[in-house]
């Protein structure tokens, strides 16, 4: 994931025809947050979509808890910054 753009690549993706909007870069008190929305006419025409990502940057461990939602599917776990 690119912290400046919020774009994720790999198995979990959040950029197709539209780009993520970084809501919060994260700090010692707040997690990193990005949101992507896609209207039906912007995608493959079947439906709209929303993607959200939160990474708890303020966690003191080297791995950070995250939550990623793609419409009604939730992924969660830990990620590592490189």
PDB file of N, CA and C in Angstrom:
ATOM      1  N   UNK A   1       0.836  -1.165   0.000  1.00  0.00           N
ATOM      2  CA  UNK A   1       0.000   0.000   0.000  1.00  0.00           C
ATOM      3  C   UNK A   1       0.886   1.235   0.000  1.00  0.00           C
ATOM      4  N   UNK A   2       0.496   2.203  -0.788  1.00  0.00           N
ATOM      5  CA  UNK A   2       1.193   3.481  -0.841  1.00  0.00           C
ATOM      6  C   UNK A   2       0.513   4.442   0.128  1.00  0.00           C
ATOM      7  N   UNK A   3       1.250   4.919   1.120  1.00  0.00           N
ATOM      8  CA  UNK A   3       0.658   5.781   2.152  1.00  0.00           C
ATOM      9  C   UNK A   3       0.181   7.117   1.600  1.00  0.00           C
ATOM     10  N   UNK A   4       0.791   7.606   0.550  1.00  0.00           N
ATOM     11  CA  UNK A   4       0.388   8.901  -0.003  1.00  0.00           C
ATOM     12  C   UNK A   4      -0.909   8.803  -0.808  1.00  0.00           C
ATOM     13  N   UNK A   5      -1.057   7.730  -1.551  1.00  0.00           N
ATOM     14  CA  UNK A   5      -2.244   7.588  -2.400  1.00  0.00           C
ATOM     15  C   UNK A   5      -3.288   6.666  -1.792  1.00  0.00           C
ATOM     16  N   UNK A   6      -2.886   5.789  -0.861  1.00  0.00           N
ATOM     17  CA  UNK A   6      -3.807   4.823  -0.275  1.00  0.00           C
ATOM     18  C   UNK A   6      -4.091   3.645  -1.181  1.00  0.00           C
ATOM     19  N   UNK A   7      -3.389   3.547  -2.316  1.00  0.00           N
ATOM     20  CA  UNK A   7      -3.642   2.466  -3.264  1.00  0.00           C
ATOM     21  C   UNK A   7      -3.025   1.170  -2.769  1.00  0.00           C
ATOM     22  N   UNK A   8      -3.829   0.115  -2.792  1.00  0.00           N
ATOM     23  CA  UNK A   8      -3.386  -1.208  -2.386  1.00  0.00           C
ATOM     24  C   UNK A   8      -3.273  -2.086  -3.621  1.00  0.00           C
ATOM     25  N   UNK A   9      -2.288  -2.954  -3.637  1.00  0.00           N
ATOM     26  CA  UNK A   9      -2.108  -3.905  -4.726  1.00  0.00           C
ATOM     27  C   UNK A   9      -2.011  -5.296  -4.124  1.00  0.00           C
ATOM     28  N   UNK A  10      -2.183  -6.303  -4.938  1.00  0.00           N
ATOM     29  CA  UNK A  10      -2.100  -7.668  -4.446  1.00  0.00           C
ATOM     30  C   UNK A  10      -3.482  -8.271  -4.329  1.00  0.00           C
ATOM     31  N   UNK A  11      -3.653  -9.161  -3.386  1.00  0.00           N
ATOM     32  CA  UNK A  11      -4.931  -9.863  -3.227  1.00  0.00           C
ATOM     33  C   UNK A  11      -6.060  -8.908  -2.847  1.00  0.00           C
ATOM     34  N   UNK A  12      -5.760  -7.890  -2.040  1.00  0.00           N
ATOM     35  CA  UNK A  12      -6.756  -6.890  -1.649  1.00  0.00           C
ATOM     36  C   UNK A  12      -6.479  -5.621  -2.438  1.00  0.00           C
ATOM     37  N   UNK A  13      -7.403  -5.236  -3.290  1.00  0.00           N
ATOM     38  CA  UNK A  13      -7.226  -4.053  -4.126  1.00  0.00           C
ATOM     39  C   UNK A  13      -8.303  -3.032  -3.799  1.00  0.00           C
ATOM     40  N   UNK A  14      -7.966  -1.753  -3.944  1.00  0.00           N
ATOM     41  CA  UNK A  14      -8.971  -0.714  -3.719  1.00  0.00           C
ATOM     42  C   UNK A  14      -8.918   0.384  -4.776  1.00  0.00           C
ATOM     43  N   UNK A  15      -8.272   0.156  -5.901  1.00  0.00           N
ATOM     44  CA  UNK A  15      -8.216   1.152  -6.967  1.00  0.00           C
ATOM     45  C   UNK A  15      -8.523   0.476  -8.300  1.00  0.00           C
ATOM     46  N   UNK A  16      -9.580   0.895  -8.897  1.00  0.00           N
ATOM     47  CA  UNK A  16      -9.976   0.373 -10.198  1.00  0.00           C
ATOM     48  C   UNK A  16     -10.099   1.580 -11.132  1.00  0.00           C
ATOM     49  N   UNK A  17     -11.303   2.016 -11.413  1.00  0.00           N
ATOM     50  CA  UNK A  17     -11.488   3.225 -12.213  1.00  0.00           C
ATOM     51  C   UNK A  17     -11.349   4.480 -11.362  1.00  0.00           C
ATOM     52  N   UNK A  18     -11.582   4.371 -10.075  1.00  0.00           N
ATOM     53  CA  UNK A  18     -11.470   5.517  -9.166  1.00  0.00           C
ATOM     54  C   UNK A  18     -10.297   5.300  -8.220  1.00  0.00           C
ATOM     55  N   UNK A  19      -9.846   6.371  -7.610  1.00  0.00           N
ATOM     56  CA  UNK A  19      -8.692   6.292  -6.720  1.00  0.00           C
ATOM     57  C   UNK A  19      -9.130   6.501  -5.266  1.00  0.00           C
ATOM     58  N   UNK A  20      -8.416   5.888  -4.324  1.00  0.00           N
ATOM     59  CA  UNK A  20      -8.733   6.093  -2.913  1.00  0.00           C
ATOM     60  C   UNK A  20      -8.510   7.546  -2.486  1.00  0.00           C
ATOM     61  N   UNK A  21      -9.235   7.944  -1.470  1.00  0.00           N
ATOM     62  CA  UNK A  21      -9.040   9.242  -0.834  1.00  0.00           C
ATOM     63  C   UNK A  21      -8.516   8.963   0.565  1.00  0.00           C
ATOM     64  N   UNK A  22      -7.336   9.479   0.876  1.00  0.00           N
ATOM     65  CA  UNK A  22      -6.770   9.309   2.216  1.00  0.00           C
ATOM     66  C   UNK A  22      -7.460  10.303   3.136  1.00  0.00           C
ATOM     67  N   UNK A  23      -8.161   9.780   4.126  1.00  0.00           N
ATOM     68  CA  UNK A  23      -8.903  10.597   5.085  1.00  0.00           C
ATOM     69  C   UNK A  23      -8.006  11.034   6.231  1.00  0.00           C
ATOM     70  N   UNK A  24      -7.096  10.150   6.644  1.00  0.00           N
ATOM     71  CA  UNK A  24      -6.198  10.423   7.771  1.00  0.00           C
ATOM     72  C   UNK A  24      -4.893   9.672   7.514  1.00  0.00           C
ATOM     73  N   UNK A  25      -3.770  10.351   7.550  1.00  0.00           N
ATOM     74  CA  UNK A  25      -2.458   9.724   7.350  1.00  0.00           C
ATOM     75  C   UNK A  25      -2.047   8.854   8.533  1.00  0.00           C
ATOM     76  N   UNK A  26      -2.718   9.010   9.652  1.00  0.00           N
ATOM     77  CA  UNK A  26      -2.356   8.259  10.854  1.00  0.00           C
ATOM     78  C   UNK A  26      -1.409   9.065  11.721  1.00  0.00           C
ATOM     79  N   UNK A  27      -1.452   8.781  12.987  1.00  0.00           N
ATOM     80  CA  UNK A  27      -0.608   9.493  13.958  1.00  0.00           C
ATOM     81  C   UNK A  27      -0.467   8.609  15.187  1.00  0.00           C
ATOM     82  N   UNK A  28       0.064   9.180  16.247  1.00  0.00           N
ATOM     83  CA  UNK A  28       0.202   8.424  17.499  1.00  0.00           C
ATOM     84  C   UNK A  28      -1.149   8.170  18.151  1.00  0.00           C
ATOM     85  N   UNK A  29      -2.176   8.929  17.742  1.00  0.00           N
ATOM     86  CA  UNK A  29      -3.507   8.776  18.319  1.00  0.00           C
ATOM     87  C   UNK A  29      -4.531   8.173  17.372  1.00  0.00           C
ATOM     88  N   UNK A  30      -4.276   8.243  16.058  1.00  0.00           N
ATOM     89  CA  UNK A  30      -5.272   7.827  15.071  1.00  0.00           C
ATOM     90  C   UNK A  30      -4.687   6.857  14.067  1.00  0.00           C
ATOM     91  N   UNK A  31      -5.559   6.025  13.537  1.00  0.00           N
ATOM     92  CA  UNK A  31      -5.147   5.090  12.499  1.00  0.00           C
ATOM     93  C   UNK A  31      -5.177   5.731  11.114  1.00  0.00           C
ATOM     94  N   UNK A  32      -4.444   5.140  10.173  1.00  0.00           N
ATOM     95  CA  UNK A  32      -4.492   5.530   8.766  1.00  0.00           C
ATOM     96  C   UNK A  32      -5.850   5.123   8.228  1.00  0.00           C
ATOM     97  N   UNK A  33      -6.509   6.009   7.455  1.00  0.00           N
ATOM     98  CA  UNK A  33      -7.824   5.705   6.906  1.00  0.00           C
ATOM     99  C   UNK A  33      -7.890   6.146   5.450  1.00  0.00           C
ATOM    100  N   UNK A  34      -8.406   5.266   4.598  1.00  0.00           N
ATOM    101  CA  UNK A  34      -8.627   5.587   3.190  1.00  0.00           C
ATOM    102  C   UNK A  34      -9.971   5.004   2.755  1.00  0.00           C
ATOM    103  N   UNK A  35     -10.643   5.737   1.860  1.00  0.00           N
ATOM    104  CA  UNK A  35     -11.945   5.322   1.350  1.00  0.00           C
ATOM    105  C   UNK A  35     -11.936   5.439  -0.173  1.00  0.00           C
ATOM    106  N   UNK A  36     -12.500   4.442  -0.845  1.00  0.00           N
ATOM    107  CA  UNK A  36     -12.682   4.481  -2.290  1.00  0.00           C
ATOM    108  C   UNK A  36     -14.146   4.203  -2.582  1.00  0.00           C
ATOM    109  N   UNK A  37     -14.746   5.012  -3.439  1.00  0.00           N
ATOM    110  CA  UNK A  37     -16.118   4.748  -3.869  1.00  0.00           C
ATOM    111  C   UNK A  37     -16.129   4.599  -5.385  1.00  0.00           C
ATOM    112  N   UNK A  38     -17.069   3.791  -5.867  1.00  0.00           N
ATOM    113  CA  UNK A  38     -17.199   3.608  -7.299  1.00  0.00           C
ATOM    114  C   UNK A  38     -18.684   3.462  -7.629  1.00  0.00           C
ATOM    115  N   UNK A  39     -19.189   4.362  -8.461  1.00  0.00           N
ATOM    116  CA  UNK A  39     -20.572   4.272  -8.928  1.00  0.00           C
ATOM    117  C   UNK A  39     -20.664   3.193  -9.999  1.00  0.00           C
ATOM    118  N   UNK A  40     -21.854   2.694 -10.229  1.00  0.00           N
ATOM    119  CA  UNK A  40     -22.053   1.619 -11.205  1.00  0.00           C
ATOM    120  C   UNK A  40     -21.506   2.000 -12.574  1.00  0.00           C
ATOM    121  N   UNK A  41     -21.704   3.239 -12.995  1.00  0.00           N
ATOM    122  CA  UNK A  41     -21.238   3.655 -14.318  1.00  0.00           C
ATOM    123  C   UNK A  41     -19.718   3.819 -14.382  1.00  0.00           C
ATOM    124  N   UNK A  42     -19.028   3.834 -13.250  1.00  0.00           N
ATOM    125  CA  UNK A  42     -17.569   3.961 -13.229  1.00  0.00           C
ATOM    126  C   UNK A  42     -16.879   2.598 -13.304  1.00  0.00           C
ATOM    127  N   UNK A  43     -17.591   1.555 -12.982  1.00  0.00           N
ATOM    128  CA  UNK A  43     -16.992   0.222 -12.969  1.00  0.00           C
ATOM    129  C   UNK A  43     -17.454  -0.609 -14.142  1.00  0.00           C
ATOM    130  N   UNK A  44     -17.777  -1.834 -13.862  1.00  0.00           N
ATOM    131  CA  UNK A  44     -18.192  -2.737 -14.932  1.00  0.00           C
ATOM    132  C   UNK A  44     -19.689  -2.663 -15.182  1.00  0.00           C
ATOM    133  N   UNK A  45     -20.358  -1.710 -14.518  1.00  0.00           N
ATOM    134  CA  UNK A  45     -21.762  -1.457 -14.801  1.00  0.00           C
ATOM    135  C   UNK A  45     -22.771  -2.257 -14.016  1.00  0.00           C
ATOM    136  N   UNK A  46     -22.310  -3.136 -13.138  1.00  0.00           N
ATOM    137  CA  UNK A  46     -23.259  -3.985 -12.404  1.00  0.00           C
ATOM    138  C   UNK A  46     -23.787  -3.321 -11.142  1.00  0.00           C
ATOM    139  N   UNK A  47     -22.914  -2.668 -10.399  1.00  0.00           N
ATOM    140  CA  UNK A  47     -23.351  -2.050  -9.150  1.00  0.00           C
ATOM    141  C   UNK A  47     -22.297  -1.066  -8.666  1.00  0.00           C
ATOM    142  N   UNK A  48     -22.655  -0.347  -7.649  1.00  0.00           N
ATOM    143  CA  UNK A  48     -21.697   0.564  -7.022  1.00  0.00           C
ATOM    144  C   UNK A  48     -20.840  -0.226  -6.030  1.00  0.00           C
ATOM    145  N   UNK A  49     -19.770   0.394  -5.563  1.00  0.00           N
ATOM    146  CA  UNK A  49     -18.883  -0.289  -4.608  1.00  0.00           C
ATOM    147  C   UNK A  49     -18.264   0.733  -3.665  1.00  0.00           C
ATOM    148  N   UNK A  50     -17.947   0.279  -2.466  1.00  0.00           N
ATOM    149  CA  UNK A  50     -17.226   1.108  -1.505  1.00  0.00           C
ATOM    150  C   UNK A  50     -16.156   0.243  -0.849  1.00  0.00           C
ATOM    151  N   UNK A  51     -14.969   0.822  -0.694  1.00  0.00           N
ATOM    152  CA  UNK A  51     -13.832   0.139  -0.082  1.00  0.00           C
ATOM    153  C   UNK A  51     -13.296   1.039   1.020  1.00  0.00           C
ATOM    154  N   UNK A  52     -13.057   0.487   2.192  1.00  0.00           N
ATOM    155  CA  UNK A  52     -12.468   1.261   3.281  1.00  0.00           C
ATOM    156  C   UNK A  52     -11.292   0.490   3.872  1.00  0.00           C
ATOM    157  N   UNK A  53     -10.308   1.240   4.293  1.00  0.00           N
ATOM    158  CA  UNK A  53      -9.119   0.656   4.907  1.00  0.00           C
ATOM    159  C   UNK A  53      -8.751   1.462   6.131  1.00  0.00           C
ATOM    160  N   UNK A  54      -8.520   0.787   7.239  1.00  0.00           N
ATOM    161  CA  UNK A  54      -7.982   1.433   8.434  1.00  0.00           C
ATOM    162  C   UNK A  54      -6.832   0.581   8.943  1.00  0.00           C
ATOM    163  N   UNK A  55      -5.694   1.239   9.163  1.00  0.00           N
ATOM    164  CA  UNK A  55      -4.523   0.589   9.757  1.00  0.00           C
ATOM    165  C   UNK A  55      -4.219   1.328  11.054  1.00  0.00           C
ATOM    166  N   UNK A  56      -4.154   0.615  12.147  1.00  0.00           N
ATOM    167  CA  UNK A  56      -3.892   1.244  13.446  1.00  0.00           C
ATOM    168  C   UNK A  56      -2.405   1.546  13.588  1.00  0.00           C
ATOM    169  N   UNK A  57      -1.997   2.647  12.972  1.00  0.00           N
ATOM    170  CA  UNK A  57      -0.604   3.085  12.993  1.00  0.00           C
ATOM    171  C   UNK A  57      -0.100   3.317  14.412  1.00  0.00           C
ATOM    172  N   UNK A  58      -0.989   3.663  15.300  1.00  0.00           N
ATOM    173  CA  UNK A  58      -0.598   3.988  16.668  1.00  0.00           C
ATOM    174  C   UNK A  58      -0.296   2.753  17.527  1.00  0.00           C
ATOM    175  N   UNK A  59      -0.535   1.571  17.004  1.00  0.00           N
ATOM    176  CA  UNK A  59      -0.179   0.353  17.752  1.00  0.00           C
ATOM    177  C   UNK A  59       1.338   0.310  17.935  1.00  0.00           C
ATOM    178  N   UNK A  60       1.790  -0.069  19.097  1.00  0.00           N
ATOM    179  CA  UNK A  60       3.215  -0.016  19.421  1.00  0.00           C
ATOM    180  C   UNK A  60       4.000  -1.231  18.929  1.00  0.00           C
ATOM    181  N   UNK A  61       3.349  -2.197  18.344  1.00  0.00           N
ATOM    182  CA  UNK A  61       4.052  -3.378  17.848  1.00  0.00           C
ATOM    183  C   UNK A  61       4.548  -3.127  16.414  1.00  0.00           C
ATOM    184  N   UNK A  62       5.522  -3.925  15.940  1.00  0.00           N
ATOM    185  CA  UNK A  62       6.003  -3.758  14.560  1.00  0.00           C
ATOM    186  C   UNK A  62       4.962  -4.159  13.518  1.00  0.00           C
ATOM    187  N   UNK A  63       4.003  -5.000  13.892  1.00  0.00           N
ATOM    188  CA  UNK A  63       2.899  -5.318  12.988  1.00  0.00           C
ATOM    189  C   UNK A  63       1.691  -4.500  13.430  1.00  0.00           C
ATOM    190  N   UNK A  64       0.967  -3.979  12.472  1.00  0.00           N
ATOM    191  CA  UNK A  64      -0.154  -3.084  12.765  1.00  0.00           C
ATOM    192  C   UNK A  64      -1.477  -3.746  12.406  1.00  0.00           C
ATOM    193  N   UNK A  65      -2.463  -3.721  13.319  1.00  0.00           N
ATOM    194  CA  UNK A  65      -3.779  -4.271  13.012  1.00  0.00           C
ATOM    195  C   UNK A  65      -4.444  -3.463  11.897  1.00  0.00           C
ATOM    196  N   UNK A  66      -5.164  -4.152  10.997  1.00  0.00           N
ATOM    197  CA  UNK A  66      -5.888  -3.455   9.941  1.00  0.00           C
ATOM    198  C   UNK A  66      -7.261  -4.075   9.750  1.00  0.00           C
ATOM    199  N   UNK A  67      -8.147  -3.280   9.155  1.00  0.00           N
ATOM    200  CA  UNK A  67      -9.466  -3.726   8.731  1.00  0.00           C
ATOM    201  C   UNK A  67      -9.672  -3.193   7.322  1.00  0.00           C
ATOM    202  N   UNK A  68     -10.101  -4.046   6.398  1.00  0.00           N
ATOM    203  CA  UNK A  68     -10.391  -3.650   5.031  1.00  0.00           C
ATOM    204  C   UNK A  68     -11.777  -4.166   4.685  1.00  0.00           C
ATOM    205  N   UNK A  69     -12.631  -3.271   4.219  1.00  0.00           N
ATOM    206  CA  UNK A  69     -13.981  -3.647   3.824  1.00  0.00           C
ATOM    207  C   UNK A  69     -14.151  -3.423   2.333  1.00  0.00           C
ATOM    208  N   UNK A  70     -14.690  -4.400   1.658  1.00  0.00           N
ATOM    209  CA  UNK A  70     -15.079  -4.256   0.266  1.00  0.00           C
ATOM    210  C   UNK A  70     -16.560  -4.606   0.212  1.00  0.00           C
ATOM    211  N   UNK A  71     -17.376  -3.563   0.132  1.00  0.00           N
ATOM    212  CA  UNK A  71     -18.825  -3.689   0.243  1.00  0.00           C
ATOM    213  C   UNK A  71     -19.190  -4.388   1.545  1.00  0.00           C
ATOM    214  N   UNK A  72     -19.676  -5.626   1.515  1.00  0.00           N
ATOM    215  CA  UNK A  72     -20.084  -6.298   2.750  1.00  0.00           C
ATOM    216  C   UNK A  72     -19.122  -7.396   3.190  1.00  0.00           C
ATOM    217  N   UNK A  73     -17.914  -7.417   2.632  1.00  0.00           N
ATOM    218  CA  UNK A  73     -16.906  -8.405   3.016  1.00  0.00           C
ATOM    219  C   UNK A  73     -15.840  -7.711   3.851  1.00  0.00           C
ATOM    220  N   UNK A  74     -15.494  -8.325   4.985  1.00  0.00           N
ATOM    221  CA  UNK A  74     -14.521  -7.734   5.909  1.00  0.00           C
ATOM    222  C   UNK A  74     -13.280  -8.613   5.977  1.00  0.00           C
ATOM    223  N   UNK A  75     -12.111  -7.986   5.802  1.00  0.00           N
ATOM    224  CA  UNK A  75     -10.826  -8.650   5.996  1.00  0.00           C
ATOM    225  C   UNK A  75     -10.148  -7.950   7.162  1.00  0.00           C
ATOM    226  N   UNK A  76      -9.515  -8.709   8.019  1.00  0.00           N
ATOM    227  CA  UNK A  76      -8.776  -8.095   9.109  1.00  0.00           C
ATOM    228  C   UNK A  76      -7.559  -8.941   9.430  1.00  0.00           C
ATOM    229  N   UNK A  77      -6.598  -8.309  10.061  1.00  0.00           N
ATOM    230  CA  UNK A  77      -5.372  -9.013  10.412  1.00  0.00           C
ATOM    231  C   UNK A  77      -4.302  -8.029  10.820  1.00  0.00           C
ATOM    232  N   UNK A  78      -3.072  -8.366  10.526  1.00  0.00           N
ATOM    233  CA  UNK A  78      -1.921  -7.504  10.851  1.00  0.00           C
ATOM    234  C   UNK A  78      -1.083  -7.312   9.603  1.00  0.00           C
ATOM    235  N   UNK A  79      -0.541  -6.125   9.457  1.00  0.00           N
ATOM    236  CA  UNK A  79       0.338  -5.844   8.325  1.00  0.00           C
ATOM    237  C   UNK A  79       1.651  -5.280   8.835  1.00  0.00           C
ATOM    238  N   UNK A  80       2.658  -5.352   8.006  1.00  0.00           N
ATOM    239  CA  UNK A  80       3.996  -4.873   8.343  1.00  0.00           C
ATOM    240  C   UNK A  80       4.403  -3.820   7.333  1.00  0.00           C
ATOM    241  N   UNK A  81       4.966  -2.719   7.802  1.00  0.00           N
ATOM    242  CA  UNK A  81       5.472  -1.671   6.912  1.00  0.00           C
ATOM    243  C   UNK A  81       6.883  -2.033   6.476  1.00  0.00           C
ATOM    244  N   UNK A  82       7.170  -1.822   5.209  1.00  0.00           N
ATOM    245  CA  UNK A  82       8.509  -2.084   4.666  1.00  0.00           C
ATOM    246  C   UNK A  82       9.160  -0.787   4.298  1.00  0.00           C
TER     247      UNK A  82
END
